[in-house]
């Protein structure tokens, strides 16, 4: 993160992914918002596919939206294994 001027707003380095709250009524923080507008950062908002969850952001930030398939049972099982292994490794 770097200071971008007198206003005291911060911007993210180019190419960074900025994960943000998925509440429909919340805007991203100033650094995320300005970096996203300048196409310096990818602001990622994970939501349900319901239109009201993403439509306002699409209008204001000129965003793209992608729909991802849900995880399969095998993928969830593998992810759970990695997560549990990481916790056990951290405890040793």
Protein backbone atom coordinates (compact mmCIF):
# COMPACT_ATOMS: atom_id res chain seq x y z
CA UNK A 1 0.00 0.00 0.00
CA UNK A 2 1.29 3.47 -0.78
CA UNK A 3 0.23 7.03 0.06
CA UNK A 4 -1.14 8.66 -3.09
CA UNK A 5 -1.17 12.29 -2.10
CA UNK A 6 -2.33 15.08 0.14
CA UNK A 7 -5.78 13.62 0.66
CA UNK A 8 -4.24 10.83 2.69
CA UNK A 9 -5.94 8.10 0.66
CA UNK A 10 -4.02 4.93 0.11
CA UNK A 11 -3.89 2.89 -3.06
CA UNK A 12 -2.99 -0.73 -3.59
CA UNK A 13 -0.13 -1.92 -5.75
CA UNK A 14 -1.04 -2.83 -9.30
CA UNK A 15 -2.35 -6.37 -9.71
CA UNK A 16 -3.38 -6.92 -6.08
CA UNK A 17 -6.62 -8.75 -5.30
CA UNK A 18 -8.63 -6.90 -2.65
CA UNK A 19 -11.21 -9.11 -0.89
CA UNK A 20 -14.11 -7.17 0.58
CA UNK A 21 -17.34 -7.57 2.54
CA UNK A 22 -20.20 -9.06 0.55
CA UNK A 23 -22.96 -7.02 2.21
CA UNK A 24 -25.09 -5.37 -0.46
CA UNK A 25 -25.25 -2.08 1.45
CA UNK A 26 -21.51 -1.60 2.02
CA UNK A 27 -18.97 0.00 -0.28
CA UNK A 28 -15.34 -1.13 -0.20
CA UNK A 29 -12.86 0.92 1.82
CA UNK A 30 -11.38 4.02 0.16
CA UNK A 31 -8.13 2.30 -0.85
CA UNK A 32 -10.01 -0.57 -2.48
CA UNK A 33 -12.51 1.78 -4.17
CA UNK A 34 -9.91 4.13 -5.67
CA UNK A 35 -7.54 1.34 -6.69
CA UNK A 36 -10.44 -0.46 -8.37
CA UNK A 37 -11.51 2.67 -10.24
CA UNK A 38 -7.96 3.16 -11.55
CA UNK A 39 -7.76 -0.53 -12.56
CA UNK A 40 -4.76 -0.98 -10.28
CA UNK A 41 -6.38 -3.66 -8.11
CA UNK A 42 -8.97 -6.37 -8.55
CA UNK A 43 -11.66 -5.73 -5.95
CA UNK A 44 -13.23 -9.12 -5.27
CA UNK A 45 -16.69 -9.28 -3.74
CA UNK A 46 -18.08 -12.75 -3.16
CA UNK A 47 -21.86 -12.83 -3.12
CA UNK A 48 -24.81 -15.00 -3.84
CA UNK A 49 -26.00 -14.83 -7.46
CA UNK A 50 -29.02 -12.71 -6.48
CA UNK A 51 -29.03 -9.50 -8.53
CA UNK A 52 -29.43 -7.11 -5.59
CA UNK A 53 -26.17 -8.46 -4.12
CA UNK A 54 -23.98 -7.19 -6.96
CA UNK A 55 -25.94 -4.87 -9.29
CA UNK A 56 -25.18 -1.55 -7.54
CA UNK A 57 -21.46 -2.31 -7.52
CA UNK A 58 -21.59 -3.16 -11.21
CA UNK A 59 -23.14 0.23 -11.97
CA UNK A 60 -20.85 2.31 -9.75
CA UNK A 61 -17.53 0.55 -10.27
CA UNK A 62 -18.00 -0.71 -13.82
CA UNK A 63 -17.15 -4.17 -12.58
CA UNK A 64 -17.27 -7.52 -14.28
CA UNK A 65 -18.99 -10.41 -12.64
CA UNK A 66 -18.15 -14.05 -12.89
CA UNK A 67 -20.24 -16.98 -11.80
CA UNK A 68 -18.38 -19.93 -10.41
CA UNK A 69 -19.75 -23.45 -10.13
CA UNK A 70 -20.09 -24.74 -6.59
CA UNK A 71 -17.44 -27.07 -5.23
CA UNK A 72 -17.93 -30.79 -5.77
CA UNK A 73 -18.00 -33.19 -2.81
CA UNK A 74 -14.48 -34.36 -3.71
CA UNK A 75 -13.18 -30.79 -3.82
CA UNK A 76 -14.74 -30.00 -0.45
CA UNK A 77 -13.25 -33.17 1.03
CA UNK A 78 -9.79 -32.24 -0.33
CA UNK A 79 -10.10 -28.70 1.00
CA UNK A 80 -11.13 -30.01 4.42
CA UNK A 81 -8.10 -32.34 4.42
CA UNK A 82 -5.73 -29.44 3.61
CA UNK A 83 -7.33 -27.27 6.29
CA UNK A 84 -7.14 -29.96 8.99
CA UNK A 85 -3.56 -30.86 7.99
CA UNK A 86 -2.55 -27.20 8.26
CA UNK A 87 -4.05 -26.91 11.75
CA UNK A 88 -2.37 -30.12 12.95
CA UNK A 89 0.97 -29.03 11.46
CA UNK A 90 0.64 -25.64 13.21
CA UNK A 91 0.14 -27.36 16.57
CA UNK A 92 3.39 -29.32 16.36
